[in-house]
N, C-alpha and C. Protein backbone atom coordinates (compact mmCIF):
# COMPACT_ATOMS: atom_id res chain seq x y z
N UNK A 1 -22.34 -16.15 -6.92
CA UNK A 1 -21.07 -15.61 -6.52
C UNK A 1 -20.27 -15.28 -7.77
N UNK A 2 -19.69 -14.11 -7.81
CA UNK A 2 -18.89 -13.68 -8.94
C UNK A 2 -17.46 -13.50 -8.45
N UNK A 3 -16.51 -14.15 -9.15
CA UNK A 3 -15.11 -14.02 -8.78
C UNK A 3 -14.35 -13.51 -9.99
N UNK A 4 -13.37 -12.66 -9.72
CA UNK A 4 -12.43 -12.30 -10.77
C UNK A 4 -11.04 -12.48 -10.20
N UNK A 5 -10.14 -13.02 -10.99
CA UNK A 5 -8.77 -13.20 -10.54
C UNK A 5 -7.85 -12.74 -11.63
N UNK A 6 -6.64 -12.39 -11.24
CA UNK A 6 -5.66 -11.92 -12.20
C UNK A 6 -4.27 -12.23 -11.69
N UNK A 7 -3.36 -12.41 -12.63
CA UNK A 7 -1.97 -12.64 -12.27
C UNK A 7 -1.16 -11.36 -12.36
N UNK A 8 -1.79 -10.21 -12.55
CA UNK A 8 -1.07 -8.96 -12.70
C UNK A 8 -1.20 -8.11 -11.44
N UNK A 9 -0.31 -7.14 -11.29
CA UNK A 9 -0.38 -6.24 -10.14
C UNK A 9 -1.69 -5.45 -10.15
N UNK A 10 -2.13 -5.02 -11.33
CA UNK A 10 -3.40 -4.30 -11.42
C UNK A 10 -4.55 -5.19 -10.97
N UNK A 11 -4.48 -6.46 -11.30
CA UNK A 11 -5.52 -7.40 -10.88
C UNK A 11 -5.53 -7.58 -9.38
N UNK A 12 -4.34 -7.63 -8.76
CA UNK A 12 -4.28 -7.76 -7.30
C UNK A 12 -4.87 -6.53 -6.63
N UNK A 13 -4.60 -5.35 -7.19
CA UNK A 13 -5.18 -4.12 -6.64
C UNK A 13 -6.70 -4.15 -6.79
N UNK A 14 -7.19 -4.62 -7.95
CA UNK A 14 -8.63 -4.71 -8.17
C UNK A 14 -9.28 -5.65 -7.18
N UNK A 15 -8.63 -6.81 -6.91
CA UNK A 15 -9.19 -7.75 -5.94
C UNK A 15 -9.22 -7.12 -4.55
N UNK A 16 -8.17 -6.37 -4.17
CA UNK A 16 -8.17 -5.72 -2.85
C UNK A 16 -9.30 -4.69 -2.78
N UNK A 17 -9.53 -3.94 -3.86
CA UNK A 17 -10.63 -2.99 -3.91
C UNK A 17 -11.96 -3.71 -3.76
N UNK A 18 -12.10 -4.82 -4.47
CA UNK A 18 -13.32 -5.62 -4.39
C UNK A 18 -13.54 -6.13 -2.98
N UNK A 19 -12.50 -6.67 -2.35
CA UNK A 19 -12.64 -7.20 -0.99
C UNK A 19 -12.93 -6.09 0.02
N UNK A 20 -12.28 -4.95 -0.14
CA UNK A 20 -12.52 -3.84 0.77
C UNK A 20 -13.96 -3.34 0.65
N UNK A 21 -14.45 -3.26 -0.57
CA UNK A 21 -15.82 -2.82 -0.79
C UNK A 21 -16.81 -3.82 -0.21
N UNK A 22 -16.53 -5.11 -0.39
CA UNK A 22 -17.41 -6.16 0.14
C UNK A 22 -17.41 -6.12 1.67
N UNK A 23 -16.24 -5.90 2.25
CA UNK A 23 -16.15 -5.84 3.72
C UNK A 23 -16.92 -4.65 4.27
N UNK A 24 -17.05 -3.61 3.48
CA UNK A 24 -17.78 -2.42 3.92
C UNK A 24 -19.29 -2.61 3.84
N UNK A 25 -19.72 -3.77 3.39
CA UNK A 25 -21.16 -4.05 3.35
C UNK A 25 -21.81 -3.81 2.01
N UNK A 26 -21.03 -3.62 0.98
CA UNK A 26 -21.58 -3.37 -0.35
C UNK A 26 -21.34 -4.57 -1.26
N UNK A 27 -21.44 -5.78 -0.74
CA UNK A 27 -21.09 -6.97 -1.52
C UNK A 27 -21.91 -7.09 -2.80
N UNK A 28 -23.15 -6.65 -2.81
CA UNK A 28 -23.97 -6.73 -4.02
C UNK A 28 -23.50 -5.77 -5.10
N UNK A 29 -22.78 -4.71 -4.71
CA UNK A 29 -22.32 -3.71 -5.67
C UNK A 29 -20.81 -3.75 -5.86
N UNK A 30 -20.14 -4.70 -5.22
CA UNK A 30 -18.68 -4.71 -5.22
C UNK A 30 -18.09 -4.81 -6.62
N UNK A 31 -18.64 -5.63 -7.47
CA UNK A 31 -18.06 -5.80 -8.79
C UNK A 31 -18.20 -4.53 -9.62
N UNK A 32 -19.23 -3.74 -9.39
CA UNK A 32 -19.42 -2.50 -10.12
C UNK A 32 -18.26 -1.54 -9.86
N UNK A 33 -17.63 -1.63 -8.67
CA UNK A 33 -16.52 -0.75 -8.33
C UNK A 33 -15.24 -1.11 -9.07
N UNK A 34 -15.17 -2.32 -9.63
CA UNK A 34 -13.97 -2.75 -10.34
C UNK A 34 -13.91 -2.10 -11.72
N UNK A 35 -12.73 -1.66 -12.14
CA UNK A 35 -12.61 -1.11 -13.48
C UNK A 35 -12.98 -2.14 -14.53
N UNK A 36 -13.75 -1.74 -15.52
CA UNK A 36 -14.08 -2.62 -16.62
C UNK A 36 -15.30 -3.50 -16.39
N UNK A 37 -15.86 -3.49 -15.20
CA UNK A 37 -17.04 -4.33 -14.95
C UNK A 37 -18.27 -3.60 -15.46
N UNK A 38 -18.87 -4.13 -16.51
CA UNK A 38 -19.99 -3.46 -17.13
C UNK A 38 -21.33 -3.88 -16.54
N UNK A 39 -21.46 -5.16 -16.16
CA UNK A 39 -22.75 -5.66 -15.72
C UNK A 39 -22.53 -6.88 -14.84
N UNK A 40 -23.25 -6.98 -13.75
CA UNK A 40 -23.13 -8.16 -12.89
C UNK A 40 -24.52 -8.54 -12.38
N UNK A 41 -24.81 -9.84 -12.38
CA UNK A 41 -26.06 -10.33 -11.83
C UNK A 41 -25.88 -11.77 -11.41
N UNK A 42 -26.94 -12.39 -10.91
CA UNK A 42 -26.85 -13.77 -10.45
C UNK A 42 -26.62 -14.74 -11.59
N UNK A 43 -27.01 -14.39 -12.81
CA UNK A 43 -26.89 -15.33 -13.92
C UNK A 43 -25.98 -14.85 -15.04
N UNK A 44 -25.44 -13.68 -14.98
CA UNK A 44 -24.60 -13.21 -16.08
C UNK A 44 -23.59 -12.18 -15.66
N UNK A 45 -22.52 -12.09 -16.43
CA UNK A 45 -21.50 -11.08 -16.21
C UNK A 45 -20.96 -10.67 -17.57
N UNK A 46 -20.70 -9.39 -17.72
CA UNK A 46 -20.09 -8.88 -18.94
C UNK A 46 -19.13 -7.78 -18.60
N UNK A 47 -17.98 -7.80 -19.22
CA UNK A 47 -17.00 -6.76 -18.99
C UNK A 47 -15.71 -7.04 -19.72
N UNK A 48 -14.73 -6.17 -19.53
CA UNK A 48 -13.44 -6.31 -20.17
C UNK A 48 -12.49 -7.07 -19.26
N UNK A 49 -11.85 -8.09 -19.81
CA UNK A 49 -10.82 -8.82 -19.10
C UNK A 49 -9.46 -8.40 -19.64
N UNK A 50 -8.58 -7.98 -18.75
CA UNK A 50 -7.21 -7.65 -19.14
C UNK A 50 -6.43 -8.95 -19.29
N UNK A 51 -5.28 -8.91 -19.93
CA UNK A 51 -4.48 -10.14 -20.08
C UNK A 51 -4.23 -10.81 -18.72
N UNK A 52 -4.49 -12.12 -18.66
CA UNK A 52 -4.29 -12.89 -17.43
C UNK A 52 -5.44 -12.84 -16.45
N UNK A 53 -6.45 -12.04 -16.70
CA UNK A 53 -7.56 -11.88 -15.77
C UNK A 53 -8.64 -12.93 -16.04
N UNK A 54 -9.37 -13.30 -14.98
CA UNK A 54 -10.42 -14.30 -15.08
C UNK A 54 -11.68 -13.81 -14.39
N UNK A 55 -12.85 -14.17 -14.94
CA UNK A 55 -14.15 -13.86 -14.32
C UNK A 55 -14.92 -15.17 -14.22
N UNK A 56 -15.62 -15.37 -13.08
CA UNK A 56 -16.36 -16.61 -12.85
C UNK A 56 -17.73 -16.32 -12.24
N UNK A 57 -18.69 -17.19 -12.51
CA UNK A 57 -20.01 -17.17 -11.89
C UNK A 57 -20.25 -18.54 -11.28
N UNK A 58 -20.93 -18.58 -10.13
CA UNK A 58 -21.21 -19.83 -9.44
C UNK A 58 -22.67 -19.90 -9.04
N UNK A 59 -23.28 -21.08 -9.21
CA UNK A 59 -24.67 -21.30 -8.79
C UNK A 59 -24.87 -22.79 -8.52
N UNK A 60 -25.87 -23.11 -7.72
CA UNK A 60 -26.21 -24.50 -7.41
C UNK A 60 -27.28 -24.99 -8.39
N UNK A 61 -27.13 -26.22 -8.89
CA UNK A 61 -28.11 -26.82 -9.80
C UNK A 61 -28.55 -28.16 -9.24
N UNK A 62 -29.86 -28.41 -9.25
CA UNK A 62 -30.41 -29.68 -8.77
C UNK A 62 -30.65 -30.67 -9.90
N UNK A 63 -31.08 -30.17 -11.10
CA UNK A 63 -31.42 -31.11 -12.17
C UNK A 63 -31.07 -30.65 -13.58
N UNK A 64 -30.66 -29.40 -13.77
CA UNK A 64 -30.22 -28.97 -15.09
C UNK A 64 -29.38 -27.71 -14.99
N UNK A 65 -28.49 -27.54 -15.97
CA UNK A 65 -27.59 -26.39 -15.99
C UNK A 65 -27.26 -26.04 -17.43
N UNK A 66 -27.08 -24.74 -17.69
CA UNK A 66 -26.60 -24.27 -18.98
C UNK A 66 -25.64 -23.13 -18.73
N UNK A 67 -24.50 -23.19 -19.40
CA UNK A 67 -23.51 -22.13 -19.33
C UNK A 67 -23.13 -21.76 -20.75
N UNK A 68 -22.97 -20.47 -21.00
CA UNK A 68 -22.51 -20.04 -22.32
C UNK A 68 -21.71 -18.76 -22.17
N UNK A 69 -20.99 -18.43 -23.24
CA UNK A 69 -20.19 -17.22 -23.20
C UNK A 69 -19.70 -16.81 -24.57
N UNK A 70 -19.32 -15.55 -24.67
CA UNK A 70 -18.78 -14.98 -25.89
C UNK A 70 -17.60 -14.09 -25.52
N UNK A 71 -16.65 -13.96 -26.44
CA UNK A 71 -15.51 -13.08 -26.24
C UNK A 71 -15.14 -12.43 -27.57
N UNK A 72 -14.65 -11.20 -27.50
CA UNK A 72 -14.26 -10.48 -28.71
C UNK A 72 -12.77 -10.69 -29.00
N UNK A 73 -12.32 -10.11 -30.06
CA UNK A 73 -10.93 -10.12 -30.50
C UNK A 73 -10.40 -11.55 -30.62
N UNK A 74 -9.36 -11.88 -29.85
CA UNK A 74 -8.74 -13.21 -29.95
C UNK A 74 -9.44 -14.26 -29.08
N UNK A 75 -10.51 -13.88 -28.39
CA UNK A 75 -11.28 -14.84 -27.60
C UNK A 75 -10.78 -14.98 -26.18
N UNK A 76 -11.26 -16.06 -25.52
CA UNK A 76 -10.92 -16.36 -24.14
C UNK A 76 -10.97 -17.87 -23.94
N UNK A 77 -10.44 -18.34 -22.84
CA UNK A 77 -10.53 -19.75 -22.46
C UNK A 77 -11.73 -19.89 -21.52
N UNK A 78 -12.66 -20.78 -21.86
CA UNK A 78 -13.85 -20.99 -21.05
C UNK A 78 -13.81 -22.36 -20.40
N UNK A 79 -14.36 -22.45 -19.18
CA UNK A 79 -14.50 -23.75 -18.53
C UNK A 79 -15.72 -23.76 -17.63
N UNK A 80 -16.28 -24.96 -17.43
CA UNK A 80 -17.40 -25.18 -16.53
C UNK A 80 -16.97 -26.25 -15.54
N UNK A 81 -17.18 -25.97 -14.26
CA UNK A 81 -16.82 -26.92 -13.21
C UNK A 81 -18.05 -27.32 -12.40
N UNK A 82 -18.06 -28.56 -11.93
CA UNK A 82 -19.08 -29.05 -11.00
C UNK A 82 -18.34 -29.47 -9.75
N UNK A 83 -18.64 -28.82 -8.63
CA UNK A 83 -17.97 -29.10 -7.36
C UNK A 83 -16.45 -29.07 -7.50
N UNK A 84 -15.93 -28.14 -8.31
CA UNK A 84 -14.50 -27.96 -8.48
C UNK A 84 -13.84 -28.84 -9.52
N UNK A 85 -14.58 -29.74 -10.15
CA UNK A 85 -14.04 -30.63 -11.18
C UNK A 85 -14.53 -30.16 -12.55
N UNK A 86 -13.62 -30.01 -13.50
CA UNK A 86 -13.98 -29.51 -14.83
C UNK A 86 -14.85 -30.53 -15.56
N UNK A 87 -16.04 -30.08 -16.01
CA UNK A 87 -16.93 -30.91 -16.82
C UNK A 87 -16.92 -30.46 -18.28
N UNK A 88 -16.42 -29.25 -18.54
CA UNK A 88 -16.27 -28.75 -19.90
C UNK A 88 -15.14 -27.74 -19.92
N UNK A 89 -14.32 -27.80 -20.96
CA UNK A 89 -13.28 -26.81 -21.17
C UNK A 89 -13.17 -26.51 -22.65
N UNK A 90 -12.84 -25.28 -23.00
CA UNK A 90 -12.66 -24.92 -24.40
C UNK A 90 -11.68 -25.88 -25.05
N UNK A 91 -11.97 -26.33 -26.26
CA UNK A 91 -11.07 -27.28 -26.91
C UNK A 91 -9.74 -26.67 -27.34
N UNK A 92 -9.67 -25.34 -27.41
CA UNK A 92 -8.43 -24.65 -27.76
C UNK A 92 -8.10 -23.64 -26.68
N UNK A 93 -6.92 -23.02 -26.78
CA UNK A 93 -6.49 -22.04 -25.78
C UNK A 93 -7.40 -20.83 -25.68
N UNK A 94 -7.97 -20.44 -26.81
CA UNK A 94 -8.93 -19.34 -26.82
C UNK A 94 -10.01 -19.63 -27.84
N UNK A 95 -11.20 -19.14 -27.56
CA UNK A 95 -12.33 -19.30 -28.47
C UNK A 95 -13.24 -18.09 -28.32
N UNK A 96 -14.03 -17.79 -29.34
CA UNK A 96 -14.89 -16.61 -29.28
C UNK A 96 -16.28 -16.91 -28.73
N UNK A 97 -16.67 -18.19 -28.64
CA UNK A 97 -17.99 -18.51 -28.09
C UNK A 97 -18.03 -19.98 -27.67
N UNK A 98 -18.90 -20.27 -26.69
CA UNK A 98 -19.09 -21.65 -26.26
C UNK A 98 -20.47 -21.80 -25.64
N UNK A 99 -20.93 -23.03 -25.53
CA UNK A 99 -22.17 -23.35 -24.82
C UNK A 99 -22.03 -24.75 -24.24
N UNK A 100 -22.48 -24.92 -23.01
CA UNK A 100 -22.49 -26.23 -22.35
C UNK A 100 -23.87 -26.41 -21.74
N UNK A 101 -24.43 -27.60 -21.88
CA UNK A 101 -25.76 -27.86 -21.33
C UNK A 101 -25.81 -29.26 -20.75
N UNK A 102 -26.34 -29.37 -19.54
CA UNK A 102 -26.56 -30.66 -18.92
C UNK A 102 -27.98 -30.71 -18.39
N UNK A 103 -28.75 -31.68 -18.88
CA UNK A 103 -30.15 -31.79 -18.47
C UNK A 103 -30.48 -33.23 -18.09
N UNK A 104 -31.21 -33.37 -17.01
CA UNK A 104 -31.66 -34.69 -16.58
C UNK A 104 -32.52 -35.33 -17.65
N UNK A 105 -33.40 -34.54 -18.27
CA UNK A 105 -34.32 -35.07 -19.29
C UNK A 105 -33.59 -35.62 -20.52
N UNK A 106 -32.37 -35.14 -20.80
CA UNK A 106 -31.58 -35.62 -21.93
C UNK A 106 -30.57 -36.69 -21.52
N UNK A 107 -30.42 -36.89 -20.21
CA UNK A 107 -29.42 -37.82 -19.72
C UNK A 107 -28.01 -37.26 -19.75
N UNK A 108 -27.87 -35.94 -19.82
CA UNK A 108 -26.55 -35.31 -19.91
C UNK A 108 -26.15 -34.56 -18.66
N UNK A 109 -27.00 -34.56 -17.62
CA UNK A 109 -26.72 -33.81 -16.39
C UNK A 109 -25.76 -34.62 -15.51
N UNK A 110 -24.59 -34.05 -15.17
CA UNK A 110 -23.61 -34.78 -14.36
C UNK A 110 -24.06 -35.03 -12.91
N UNK A 111 -25.05 -34.29 -12.44
CA UNK A 111 -25.55 -34.47 -11.08
C UNK A 111 -25.67 -33.16 -10.34
N UNK A 112 -26.41 -33.17 -9.23
CA UNK A 112 -26.57 -31.95 -8.44
C UNK A 112 -25.23 -31.47 -7.90
N UNK A 113 -25.12 -30.17 -7.75
CA UNK A 113 -23.89 -29.62 -7.18
C UNK A 113 -23.73 -28.15 -7.50
N UNK A 114 -22.60 -27.63 -7.11
CA UNK A 114 -22.25 -26.24 -7.35
C UNK A 114 -21.52 -26.15 -8.68
N UNK A 115 -22.07 -25.37 -9.59
CA UNK A 115 -21.50 -25.20 -10.93
C UNK A 115 -20.86 -23.82 -11.04
N UNK A 116 -19.71 -23.78 -11.69
CA UNK A 116 -18.98 -22.53 -11.90
C UNK A 116 -18.59 -22.43 -13.37
N UNK A 117 -18.85 -21.28 -13.97
CA UNK A 117 -18.40 -21.01 -15.34
C UNK A 117 -17.36 -19.89 -15.24
N UNK A 118 -16.22 -20.08 -15.93
CA UNK A 118 -15.15 -19.10 -15.90
C UNK A 118 -14.68 -18.76 -17.31
N UNK A 119 -14.25 -17.52 -17.48
CA UNK A 119 -13.61 -17.06 -18.71
C UNK A 119 -12.27 -16.48 -18.33
N UNK A 120 -11.22 -16.89 -19.02
CA UNK A 120 -9.86 -16.42 -18.74
C UNK A 120 -9.29 -15.82 -20.01
N UNK A 121 -8.71 -14.63 -19.89
CA UNK A 121 -8.06 -13.99 -21.03
C UNK A 121 -6.60 -14.42 -21.06
N UNK A 122 -6.26 -15.32 -21.97
CA UNK A 122 -4.88 -15.80 -22.12
C UNK A 122 -4.11 -15.04 -23.19
N UNK A 123 -4.67 -13.95 -23.66
CA UNK A 123 -4.05 -13.17 -24.74
C UNK A 123 -3.25 -12.00 -24.20
N UNK A 124 -2.56 -11.31 -25.08
CA UNK A 124 -1.77 -10.15 -24.69
C UNK A 124 -2.54 -8.84 -24.83
N UNK A 125 -3.81 -8.91 -25.25
CA UNK A 125 -4.64 -7.72 -25.38
C UNK A 125 -5.94 -7.93 -24.59
N UNK A 126 -6.61 -6.84 -24.27
CA UNK A 126 -7.90 -6.92 -23.57
C UNK A 126 -8.94 -7.60 -24.46
N UNK A 127 -9.93 -8.23 -23.81
CA UNK A 127 -11.05 -8.81 -24.55
C UNK A 127 -12.34 -8.56 -23.78
N UNK A 128 -13.40 -8.32 -24.50
CA UNK A 128 -14.72 -8.13 -23.90
C UNK A 128 -15.37 -9.50 -23.80
N UNK A 129 -15.85 -9.85 -22.60
CA UNK A 129 -16.40 -11.18 -22.35
C UNK A 129 -17.80 -11.07 -21.76
N UNK A 130 -18.67 -11.98 -22.16
CA UNK A 130 -19.99 -12.16 -21.54
C UNK A 130 -20.10 -13.63 -21.17
N UNK A 131 -20.48 -13.91 -19.91
CA UNK A 131 -20.73 -15.29 -19.49
C UNK A 131 -22.08 -15.36 -18.79
N UNK A 132 -22.75 -16.51 -18.94
CA UNK A 132 -24.07 -16.72 -18.34
C UNK A 132 -24.11 -18.11 -17.72
N UNK A 133 -24.87 -18.23 -16.62
CA UNK A 133 -25.05 -19.52 -15.95
C UNK A 133 -26.50 -19.62 -15.52
N UNK A 134 -27.21 -20.58 -16.10
CA UNK A 134 -28.63 -20.81 -15.78
C UNK A 134 -28.75 -22.18 -15.13
N UNK A 135 -29.59 -22.27 -14.10
CA UNK A 135 -29.81 -23.55 -13.42
C UNK A 135 -31.30 -23.78 -13.18
N UNK A 136 -31.67 -25.04 -13.19
CA UNK A 136 -33.01 -25.49 -12.84
C UNK A 136 -34.11 -24.65 -13.50
N UNK A 137 -34.99 -24.04 -12.73
CA UNK A 137 -36.13 -23.30 -13.28
C UNK A 137 -35.71 -21.98 -13.95
N UNK A 138 -34.45 -21.55 -13.78
CA UNK A 138 -33.99 -20.30 -14.39
C UNK A 138 -33.63 -20.46 -15.85
N UNK A 139 -33.57 -21.70 -16.36
CA UNK A 139 -33.27 -21.88 -17.77
C UNK A 139 -34.33 -21.19 -18.60
N UNK A 140 -33.93 -20.39 -19.60
CA UNK A 140 -34.91 -19.61 -20.36
C UNK A 140 -35.81 -20.44 -21.25
N UNK A 141 -35.53 -21.71 -21.47
CA UNK A 141 -36.36 -22.56 -22.32
C UNK A 141 -36.26 -23.99 -21.89
């Protein structure tokens, strides 16, 4: 599941466009209709976030999870949640890159559940963001 949220009027219009497109039966292509959305898939998202805008990815993990992201210019605020509770957050208001990993084999996996990775642009200028979420057998290594 891919979510984008914004505190701006343009963001509210974008969400209405996204919801209208999804309601029309194009839910797999809905994010492509949003301005600035460059790429969307089950494990990654890349695009431009306007000031105050947020992009999130959600997936279920049984035994391991990895989330990472990058942002240009002044960066973005990144967070990873498990069942709605933050398990990782950027140590500063904005950062240009992050990685979080929880694995049963390392003893670092918080437990099965729904994991969400989000990037929020807290700056006054646009930023290009890429976020990825890998779970269980989808981990590349």
